PDB file of N, CA and C in Angstrom:
ATOM      1  N   MET A   1     -22.600  26.461  -6.111  1.00  0.00           N
ATOM      2  CA  MET A   1     -22.533  25.119  -5.615  1.00  0.00           C
ATOM      3  C   MET A   1     -21.294  25.060  -4.890  1.00  0.00           C
ATOM      4  N   THR A   2     -21.749  24.459  -3.618  1.00  0.00           N
ATOM      5  CA  THR A   2     -20.921  23.879  -2.817  1.00  0.00           C
ATOM      6  C   THR A   2     -20.057  22.730  -2.755  1.00  0.00           C
ATOM      7  N   MET A   3     -18.730  22.567  -2.839  1.00  0.00           N
ATOM      8  CA  MET A   3     -18.156  21.667  -3.062  1.00  0.00           C
ATOM      9  C   MET A   3     -17.474  21.223  -1.868  1.00  0.00           C
ATOM     10  N   HIS A   4     -16.952  19.871  -1.561  1.00  0.00           N
ATOM     11  CA  HIS A   4     -16.532  19.141  -0.689  1.00  0.00           C
ATOM     12  C   HIS A   4     -15.013  18.767  -0.699  1.00  0.00           C
ATOM     13  N   ASN A   5     -13.951  18.762   0.066  1.00  0.00           N
ATOM     14  CA  ASN A   5     -12.714  18.136  -0.144  1.00  0.00           C
ATOM     15  C   ASN A   5     -12.636  16.537  -1.053  1.00  0.00           C
ATOM     16  N   PRO A   6     -13.145  16.219  -1.867  1.00  0.00           N
ATOM     17  CA  PRO A   6     -12.794  15.353  -2.573  1.00  0.00           C
ATOM     18  C   PRO A   6     -11.716  14.237  -2.454  1.00  0.00           C
ATOM     19  N   ALA A   7     -11.685  13.095  -2.393  1.00  0.00           N
ATOM     20  CA  ALA A   7     -10.866  12.221  -2.485  1.00  0.00           C
ATOM     21  C   ALA A   7     -10.196  12.418  -3.616  1.00  0.00           C
ATOM     22  N   SER A   8      -8.681  12.054  -3.136  1.00  0.00           N
ATOM     23  CA  SER A   8      -7.551  12.496  -4.505  1.00  0.00           C
ATOM     24  C   SER A   8      -7.755  11.211  -4.976  1.00  0.00           C
ATOM     25  N   PRO A   9      -7.321  10.961  -6.421  1.00  0.00           N
ATOM     26  CA  PRO A   9      -6.711   9.535  -7.113  1.00  0.00           C
ATOM     27  C   PRO A   9      -6.196   8.902  -6.433  1.00  0.00           C
ATOM     28  N   GLY A  10      -5.183   9.020  -5.694  1.00  0.00           N
ATOM     29  CA  GLY A  10      -3.846   8.251  -5.186  1.00  0.00           C
ATOM     30  C   GLY A  10      -4.780   7.834  -3.971  1.00  0.00           C
ATOM     31  N   GLU A  11      -5.711   8.517  -2.947  1.00  0.00           N
ATOM     32  CA  GLU A  11      -6.074   7.968  -2.205  1.00  0.00           C
ATOM     33  C   GLU A  11      -7.313   6.555  -2.434  1.00  0.00           C
ATOM     34  N   LEU A  12      -7.743   6.636  -3.827  1.00  0.00           N
ATOM     35  CA  LEU A  12      -8.659   5.713  -4.592  1.00  0.00           C
ATOM     36  C   LEU A  12      -7.802   4.752  -4.856  1.00  0.00           C
ATOM     37  N   LEU A  13      -6.902   5.340  -5.619  1.00  0.00           N
ATOM     38  CA  LEU A  13      -6.186   3.534  -6.201  1.00  0.00           C
ATOM     39  C   LEU A  13      -5.306   3.156  -4.959  1.00  0.00           C
ATOM     40  N   ARG A  14      -5.301   3.975  -3.861  1.00  0.00           N
ATOM     41  CA  ARG A  14      -4.351   2.741  -2.233  1.00  0.00           C
ATOM     42  C   ARG A  14      -5.380   2.455  -2.037  1.00  0.00           C
ATOM     43  N   GLU A  15      -7.014   2.273  -1.920  1.00  0.00           N
ATOM     44  CA  GLU A  15      -7.989   1.638  -1.597  1.00  0.00           C
ATOM     45  C   GLU A  15      -8.150   0.482  -2.473  1.00  0.00           C
ATOM     46  N   PHE A  16      -7.947   0.620  -4.087  1.00  0.00           N
ATOM     47  CA  PHE A  16      -8.336  -0.411  -4.824  1.00  0.00           C
ATOM     48  C   PHE A  16      -6.849  -1.388  -5.176  1.00  0.00           C
ATOM     49  N   LEU A  17      -5.816  -0.693  -4.763  1.00  0.00           N
ATOM     50  CA  LEU A  17      -4.825  -1.637  -4.685  1.00  0.00           C
ATOM     51  C   LEU A  17      -4.442  -2.881  -3.941  1.00  0.00           C
ATOM     52  N   GLY A  18      -5.323  -2.562  -2.719  1.00  0.00           N
ATOM     53  CA  GLY A  18      -5.033  -3.614  -1.757  1.00  0.00           C
ATOM     54  C   GLY A  18      -3.890  -4.337  -1.524  1.00  0.00           C
ATOM     55  N   ASP A  19      -3.560  -5.273  -1.480  1.00  0.00           N
ATOM     56  CA  ASP A  19      -2.306  -5.996  -1.205  1.00  0.00           C
ATOM     57  C   ASP A  19      -1.067  -6.097  -2.152  1.00  0.00           C
ATOM     58  N   LYS A  20      -1.391  -5.779  -3.682  1.00  0.00           N
ATOM     59  CA  LYS A  20      -0.842  -5.369  -4.348  1.00  0.00           C
ATOM     60  C   LYS A  20       0.101  -4.424  -4.597  1.00  0.00           C
ATOM     61  N   THR A  21       1.749  -4.069  -4.910  1.00  0.00           N
ATOM     62  CA  THR A  21       2.156  -3.253  -4.748  1.00  0.00           C
ATOM     63  C   THR A  21       2.193  -2.479  -5.892  1.00  0.00           C
ATOM     64  N   ALA A  22       2.896  -1.108  -5.968  1.00  0.00           N
ATOM     65  CA  ALA A  22       2.934  -0.177  -6.979  1.00  0.00           C
ATOM     66  C   ALA A  22       3.906  -0.727  -8.085  1.00  0.00           C
ATOM     67  N   THR A  23       4.928  -1.462  -7.815  1.00  0.00           N
ATOM     68  CA  THR A  23       5.630  -2.277  -8.745  1.00  0.00           C
ATOM     69  C   THR A  23       5.074  -3.003  -9.764  1.00  0.00           C
ATOM     70  N   GLU A  24       3.962  -3.840  -8.701  1.00  0.00           N
ATOM     71  CA  GLU A  24       3.378  -5.037  -9.443  1.00  0.00           C
ATOM     72  C   GLU A  24       2.030  -4.294 -10.574  1.00  0.00           C
ATOM     73  N   LEU A  25       1.888  -3.396  -9.955  1.00  0.00           N
ATOM     74  CA  LEU A  25       0.785  -2.694 -10.700  1.00  0.00           C
ATOM     75  C   LEU A  25       1.320  -1.797 -11.549  1.00  0.00           C
ATOM     76  N   ALA A  26       2.115  -1.309 -11.547  1.00  0.00           N
ATOM     77  CA  ALA A  26       3.041  -0.682 -12.992  1.00  0.00           C
ATOM     78  C   ALA A  26       3.273  -1.860 -13.815  1.00  0.00           C
ATOM     79  N   ALA A  27       3.851  -2.695 -13.524  1.00  0.00           N
ATOM     80  CA  ALA A  27       4.365  -3.735 -14.560  1.00  0.00           C
ATOM     81  C   ALA A  27       3.153  -4.493 -14.971  1.00  0.00           C
ATOM     82  N   HIS A  28       2.330  -4.484 -14.303  1.00  0.00           N
ATOM     83  CA  HIS A  28       0.713  -4.519 -15.367  1.00  0.00           C
ATOM     84  C   HIS A  28       0.394  -4.215 -16.279  1.00  0.00           C
ATOM     85  N   ILE A  29       0.205  -2.755 -15.946  1.00  0.00           N
ATOM     86  CA  ILE A  29      -0.411  -1.844 -16.718  1.00  0.00           C
ATOM     87  C   ILE A  29       0.806  -1.032 -17.817  1.00  0.00           C
ATOM     88  N   GLY A  30       1.678  -1.863 -17.609  1.00  0.00           N
ATOM     89  CA  GLY A  30       2.999  -0.880 -18.506  1.00  0.00           C
ATOM     90  C   GLY A  30       3.511   0.277 -18.538  1.00  0.00           C
ATOM     91  N   VAL A  31       3.351   1.011 -17.101  1.00  0.00           N
ATOM     92  CA  VAL A  31       4.115   2.312 -16.616  1.00  0.00           C
ATOM     93  C   VAL A  31       5.112   2.559 -15.642  1.00  0.00           C
ATOM     94  N   ALA A  32       5.879   3.065 -15.460  1.00  0.00           N
ATOM     95  CA  ALA A  32       7.117   2.898 -14.734  1.00  0.00           C
ATOM     96  C   ALA A  32       6.523   2.942 -13.171  1.00  0.00           C
ATOM     97  N   ARG A  33       7.328   2.053 -12.472  1.00  0.00           N
ATOM     98  CA  ARG A  33       6.988   2.241 -11.182  1.00  0.00           C
ATOM     99  C   ARG A  33       6.768   3.928 -10.215  1.00  0.00           C
ATOM    100  N   ALA A  34       7.898   4.498 -11.022  1.00  0.00           N
ATOM    101  CA  ALA A  34       7.436   6.083 -10.472  1.00  0.00           C
ATOM    102  C   ALA A  34       6.361   6.305 -10.508  1.00  0.00           C
ATOM    103  N   THR A  35       5.783   6.207 -11.683  1.00  0.00           N
ATOM    104  CA  THR A  35       4.568   6.752 -12.275  1.00  0.00           C
ATOM    105  C   THR A  35       3.194   6.825 -11.408  1.00  0.00           C
ATOM    106  N   ILE A  36       3.614   5.689 -10.888  1.00  0.00           N
ATOM    107  CA  ILE A  36       2.162   4.515  -9.629  1.00  0.00           C
ATOM    108  C   ILE A  36       2.563   5.745  -8.676  1.00  0.00           C
ATOM    109  N   SER A  37       3.900   5.483  -8.271  1.00  0.00           N
ATOM    110  CA  SER A  37       4.217   5.667  -7.017  1.00  0.00           C
ATOM    111  C   SER A  37       3.971   7.500  -6.667  1.00  0.00           C
ATOM    112  N   ARG A  38       4.272   8.591  -7.644  1.00  0.00           N
ATOM    113  CA  ARG A  38       4.023   9.736  -7.427  1.00  0.00           C
ATOM    114  C   ARG A  38       2.520  10.015  -7.540  1.00  0.00           C
ATOM    115  N   VAL A  39       1.745   9.068  -7.995  1.00  0.00           N
ATOM    116  CA  VAL A  39       0.053   9.321  -8.110  1.00  0.00           C
ATOM    117  C   VAL A  39      -0.252   8.781  -6.860  1.00  0.00           C
ATOM    118  N   LEU A  40       0.078   8.011  -6.271  1.00  0.00           N
ATOM    119  CA  LEU A  40       0.215   7.517  -4.767  1.00  0.00           C
ATOM    120  C   LEU A  40      -0.205   8.150  -3.819  1.00  0.00           C
ATOM    121  N   ASN A  41       1.301   8.604  -3.963  1.00  0.00           N
ATOM    122  CA  ASN A  41       1.280  10.222  -3.172  1.00  0.00           C
ATOM    123  C   ASN A  41       0.999  11.286  -3.417  1.00  0.00           C
ATOM    124  N   ASP A  42      -0.343  11.197  -4.332  1.00  0.00           N
ATOM    125  CA  ASP A  42      -0.610  12.571  -4.586  1.00  0.00           C
ATOM    126  C   ASP A  42       0.505  13.826  -4.824  1.00  0.00           C
ATOM    127  N   ARG A  43       1.708  13.118  -5.860  1.00  0.00           N
ATOM    128  CA  ARG A  43       2.378  14.311  -6.297  1.00  0.00           C
ATOM    129  C   ARG A  43       2.521  14.855  -7.682  1.00  0.00           C
ATOM    130  N   THR A  44       1.561  13.802  -8.529  1.00  0.00           N
ATOM    131  CA  THR A  44       1.311  14.086 -10.113  1.00  0.00           C
ATOM    132  C   THR A  44      -0.239  13.705 -10.111  1.00  0.00           C
ATOM    133  N   ALA A  45      -0.482  14.474 -11.220  1.00  0.00           N
ATOM    134  CA  ALA A  45      -1.829  13.877 -11.750  1.00  0.00           C
ATOM    135  C   ALA A  45      -2.430  12.449 -12.488  1.00  0.00           C
ATOM    136  N   VAL A  46      -3.269  12.510 -12.491  1.00  0.00           N
ATOM    137  CA  VAL A  46      -3.650  11.227 -13.360  1.00  0.00           C
ATOM    138  C   VAL A  46      -3.946  11.412 -14.917  1.00  0.00           C
ATOM    139  N   THR A  47      -3.233  11.526 -15.897  1.00  0.00           N
ATOM    140  CA  THR A  47      -3.552  11.095 -16.989  1.00  0.00           C
ATOM    141  C   THR A  47      -4.751  10.509 -17.291  1.00  0.00           C
ATOM    142  N   VAL A  48      -5.145  11.090 -18.773  1.00  0.00           N
ATOM    143  CA  VAL A  48      -6.255  10.310 -19.546  1.00  0.00           C
ATOM    144  C   VAL A  48      -5.592   8.778 -19.815  1.00  0.00           C
ATOM    145  N   ASP A  49      -4.241   8.590 -20.271  1.00  0.00           N
ATOM    146  CA  ASP A  49      -3.738   7.722 -20.354  1.00  0.00           C
ATOM    147  C   ASP A  49      -3.706   6.759 -19.145  1.00  0.00           C
ATOM    148  N   LEU A  50      -3.167   7.095 -18.366  1.00  0.00           N
ATOM    149  CA  LEU A  50      -3.266   6.183 -17.016  1.00  0.00           C
ATOM    150  C   LEU A  50      -4.682   6.031 -16.437  1.00  0.00           C
ATOM    151  N   SER A  51      -5.525   7.030 -16.601  1.00  0.00           N
ATOM    152  CA  SER A  51      -6.839   6.351 -16.136  1.00  0.00           C
ATOM    153  C   SER A  51      -7.394   5.483 -17.068  1.00  0.00           C
ATOM    154  N   ILE A  52      -7.268   5.360 -18.187  1.00  0.00           N
ATOM    155  CA  ILE A  52      -7.533   4.245 -19.139  1.00  0.00           C
ATOM    156  C   ILE A  52      -6.932   2.697 -18.632  1.00  0.00           C
ATOM    157  N   ARG A  53      -5.899   2.780 -18.704  1.00  0.00           N
ATOM    158  CA  ARG A  53      -4.927   1.948 -18.203  1.00  0.00           C
ATOM    159  C   ARG A  53      -5.392   0.900 -16.920  1.00  0.00           C
ATOM    160  N   LEU A  54      -5.636   2.227 -16.006  1.00  0.00           N
ATOM    161  CA  LEU A  54      -6.142   1.665 -14.485  1.00  0.00           C
ATOM    162  C   LEU A  54      -7.481   0.983 -14.233  1.00  0.00           C
ATOM    163  N   GLY A  55      -8.127   1.811 -15.250  1.00  0.00           N
ATOM    164  CA  GLY A  55      -9.865   1.387 -15.786  1.00  0.00           C
ATOM    165  C   GLY A  55      -9.956  -0.004 -16.105  1.00  0.00           C
ATOM    166  N   GLU A  56      -9.019  -0.118 -16.873  1.00  0.00           N
ATOM    167  CA  GLU A  56      -8.680  -1.601 -17.570  1.00  0.00           C
ATOM    168  C   GLU A  56      -8.428  -2.670 -16.325  1.00  0.00           C
ATOM    169  N   ALA A  57      -7.504  -2.214 -16.029  1.00  0.00           N
ATOM    170  CA  ALA A  57      -6.378  -3.391 -14.547  1.00  0.00           C
ATOM    171  C   ALA A  57      -7.776  -3.381 -13.801  1.00  0.00           C
ATOM    172  N   LEU A  58      -8.419  -2.223 -13.247  1.00  0.00           N
ATOM    173  CA  LEU A  58      -9.086  -2.429 -12.142  1.00  0.00           C
ATOM    174  C   LEU A  58     -10.480  -2.875 -11.679  1.00  0.00           C
ATOM    175  N   LYS A  59     -11.171  -3.097 -13.334  1.00  0.00           N
ATOM    176  CA  LYS A  59     -12.291  -3.468 -13.620  1.00  0.00           C
ATOM    177  C   LYS A  59     -13.259  -2.398 -13.752  1.00  0.00           C
ATOM    178  N   LEU A  60     -12.955  -1.184 -14.042  1.00  0.00           N
ATOM    179  CA  LEU A  60     -13.519   0.213 -13.649  1.00  0.00           C
ATOM    180  C   LEU A  60     -13.943   1.173 -14.687  1.00  0.00           C
ATOM    181  N   SER A  61     -14.583   2.006 -14.853  1.00  0.00           N
ATOM    182  CA  SER A  61     -15.203   2.530 -16.008  1.00  0.00           C
ATOM    183  C   SER A  61     -13.750   3.415 -16.680  1.00  0.00           C
ATOM    184  N   PRO A  62     -13.287   3.603 -17.817  1.00  0.00           N
ATOM    185  CA  PRO A  62     -12.139   4.338 -18.297  1.00  0.00           C
ATOM    186  C   PRO A  62     -12.078   5.898 -17.632  1.00  0.00           C
ATOM    187  N   ASP A  63     -12.900   6.455 -17.368  1.00  0.00           N
ATOM    188  CA  ASP A  63     -12.468   7.573 -16.779  1.00  0.00           C
ATOM    189  C   ASP A  63     -13.060   8.002 -15.404  1.00  0.00           C
ATOM    190  N   PHE A  64     -13.302   6.977 -14.768  1.00  0.00           N
ATOM    191  CA  PHE A  64     -13.034   6.795 -13.175  1.00  0.00           C
ATOM    192  C   PHE A  64     -11.902   7.862 -12.758  1.00  0.00           C
ATOM    193  N   PHE A  65     -10.736   7.476 -12.848  1.00  0.00           N
ATOM    194  CA  PHE A  65      -9.476   8.328 -12.052  1.00  0.00           C
ATOM    195  C   PHE A  65      -9.716  10.018 -12.727  1.00  0.00           C
ATOM    196  N   SER A  66      -9.937   9.912 -14.119  1.00  0.00           N
ATOM    197  CA  SER A  66     -10.072  10.963 -14.869  1.00  0.00           C
ATOM    198  C   SER A  66     -10.936  11.915 -13.937  1.00  0.00           C
ATOM    199  N   LYS A  67     -12.394  11.648 -13.574  1.00  0.00           N
ATOM    200  CA  LYS A  67     -13.451  12.320 -13.096  1.00  0.00           C
ATOM    201  C   LYS A  67     -12.596  12.845 -11.769  1.00  0.00           C
ATOM    202  N   ALA A  68     -11.972  11.345 -11.049  1.00  0.00           N
ATOM    203  CA  ALA A  68     -11.963  12.125  -9.858  1.00  0.00           C
ATOM    204  C   ALA A  68     -10.288  12.949  -9.799  1.00  0.00           C
ATOM    205  N   GLN A  69      -9.891  12.803 -10.504  1.00  0.00           N
ATOM    206  CA  GLN A  69      -9.011  13.927 -11.082  1.00  0.00           C
ATOM    207  C   GLN A  69      -9.533  15.122 -10.933  1.00  0.00           C
ATOM    208  N   LEU A  70     -10.427  15.418 -11.945  1.00  0.00           N
ATOM    209  CA  LEU A  70     -10.713  16.534 -12.168  1.00  0.00           C
ATOM    210  C   LEU A  70     -11.406  17.323 -10.668  1.00  0.00           C
ATOM    211  N   GLN A  71     -12.423  16.500 -10.551  1.00  0.00           N
ATOM    212  CA  GLN A  71     -13.451  16.904  -9.358  1.00  0.00           C
ATOM    213  C   GLN A  71     -12.287  17.354  -8.127  1.00  0.00           C
ATOM    214  N   ARG A  72     -11.096  16.813  -8.012  1.00  0.00           N
ATOM    215  CA  ARG A  72     -10.005  17.016  -7.007  1.00  0.00           C
ATOM    216  C   ARG A  72      -9.542  18.407  -7.550  1.00  0.00           C
ATOM    217  N   ASP A  73      -9.200  18.315  -8.707  1.00  0.00           N
ATOM    218  CA  ASP A  73      -8.337  19.678  -9.402  1.00  0.00           C
ATOM    219  C   ASP A  73      -9.452  20.848  -9.539  1.00  0.00           C
ATOM    220  N   LEU A  74     -10.907  20.813  -9.461  1.00  0.00           N
ATOM    221  CA  LEU A  74     -11.884  21.735  -9.420  1.00  0.00           C
ATOM    222  C   LEU A  74     -12.016  22.668  -7.917  1.00  0.00           C
ATOM    223  N   TRP A  75     -11.397  21.410  -7.167  1.00  0.00           N
ATOM    224  CA  TRP A  75     -12.320  21.970  -5.385  1.00  0.00           C
ATOM    225  C   TRP A  75     -10.762  22.535  -5.072  1.00  0.00           C
ATOM    226  N   LEU A  76      -9.452  22.192  -5.718  1.00  0.00           N
ATOM    227  CA  LEU A  76      -8.347  22.987  -5.133  1.00  0.00           C
ATOM    228  C   LEU A  76      -8.146  24.338  -5.258  1.00  0.00           C
ATOM    229  N   GLU A  77      -8.707  24.700  -6.697  1.00  0.00           N
ATOM    230  CA  GLU A  77      -8.566  25.397  -7.341  1.00  0.00           C
ATOM    231  C   GLU A  77      -9.686  26.693  -6.474  1.00  0.00           C
ATOM    232  N   SER A  78     -10.891  25.808  -6.696  1.00  0.00           N
ATOM    233  CA  SER A  78     -11.815  26.994  -5.742  1.00  0.00           C
ATOM    234  C   SER A  78     -11.431  27.254  -4.311  1.00  0.00           C
ATOM    235  N   GLN A  79     -10.331  26.861  -3.505  1.00  0.00           N
ATOM    236  CA  GLN A  79      -9.898  26.731  -2.182  1.00  0.00           C
ATOM    237  C   GLN A  79      -9.371  27.999  -2.311  1.00  0.00           C
ATOM    238  N   LYS A  80      -8.598  28.926  -3.747  1.00  0.00           N
ATOM    239  CA  LYS A  80      -7.553  30.030  -3.652  1.00  0.00           C
ATOM    240  C   LYS A  80      -8.826  31.192  -3.609  1.00  0.00           C
ATOM    241  N   ASP A  81      -7.664  32.512  -3.549  1.00  0.00           N
ATOM    242  CA  ASP A  81      -8.529  33.417  -3.359  1.00  0.00           C
ATOM    243  C   ASP A  81      -8.852  33.948  -4.631  1.00  0.00           C
ATOM    244  N   ARG A  82      -9.836  34.483  -5.654  1.00  0.00           N
ATOM    245  CA  ARG A  82      -9.391  34.573  -6.761  1.00  0.00           C
ATOM    246  C   ARG A  82     -10.812  35.754  -6.817  1.00  0.00           C
ATOM    247  N   PRO A  83     -10.481  36.754  -7.853  1.00  0.00           N
ATOM    248  CA  PRO A  83     -11.617  37.857  -8.110  1.00  0.00           C
ATOM    249  C   PRO A  83     -12.500  37.656  -8.253  1.00  0.00           C
ATOM    250  N   ARG A  84     -13.883  38.204  -7.584  1.00  0.00           N
ATOM    251  CA  ARG A  84     -15.099  38.041  -8.462  1.00  0.00           C
ATOM    252  C   ARG A  84     -15.185  38.028  -9.500  1.00  0.00           C
ATOM    253  N   ILE A  85     -15.749  37.274 -10.828  1.00  0.00           N
ATOM    254  CA  ILE A  85     -16.308  37.514 -12.009  1.00  0.00           C
ATOM    255  C   ILE A  85     -17.510  37.597 -12.346  1.00  0.00           C
ATOM    256  N   LYS A  86     -18.411  38.672 -12.760  1.00  0.00           N
ATOM    257  CA  LYS A  86     -19.628  39.083 -12.806  1.00  0.00           C
ATOM    258  C   LYS A  86     -20.010  38.103 -13.906  1.00  0.00           C
ATOM    259  N   PRO A  87     -21.404  37.807 -13.927  1.00  0.00           N
ATOM    260  CA  PRO A  87     -21.690  37.039 -15.488  1.00  0.00           C
ATOM    261  C   PRO A  87     -21.469  37.807 -16.579  1.00  0.00           C
ATOM    262  N   LEU A  88     -21.316  37.585 -17.841  1.00  0.00           N
ATOM    263  CA  LEU A  88     -20.793  38.202 -18.716  1.00  0.00           C
ATOM    264  C   LEU A  88     -22.606  38.966 -19.901  1.00  0.00           C
ATOM    265  N   ALA A  89     -23.197  39.432 -19.661  1.00  0.00           N
ATOM    266  CA  ALA A  89     -23.918  40.501 -20.150  1.00  0.00           C
ATOM    267  C   ALA A  89     -24.529  39.728 -21.460  1.00  0.00           C
ATOM    268  N   ALA A  90     -25.343  39.617 -21.735  1.00  0.00           N
ATOM    269  CA  ALA A  90     -25.954  39.276 -23.069  1.00  0.00           C
ATOM    270  C   ALA A  90     -25.850  39.962 -24.170  1.00  0.00           C
TER     271      ALA A  90
END
């Protein structure tokens, strides 16, 4: 399976925020402003709890940001040098 470089959850969140600030969003969903700032700046991963909160606030599915995080993590790992693993024999 060929993967492309998917958008990070932070990139996606920046688009959904529009003219709202990280401070406004954080207060609205009940998390620290620093948490939102770290996600927006791609310094931390989106947790399941945060994905649910963002989904509710932005009228998205609760797993939207979790799926975006998973795709990003898989892509980043696939870019690393890794040993080839043969399929497990049945």
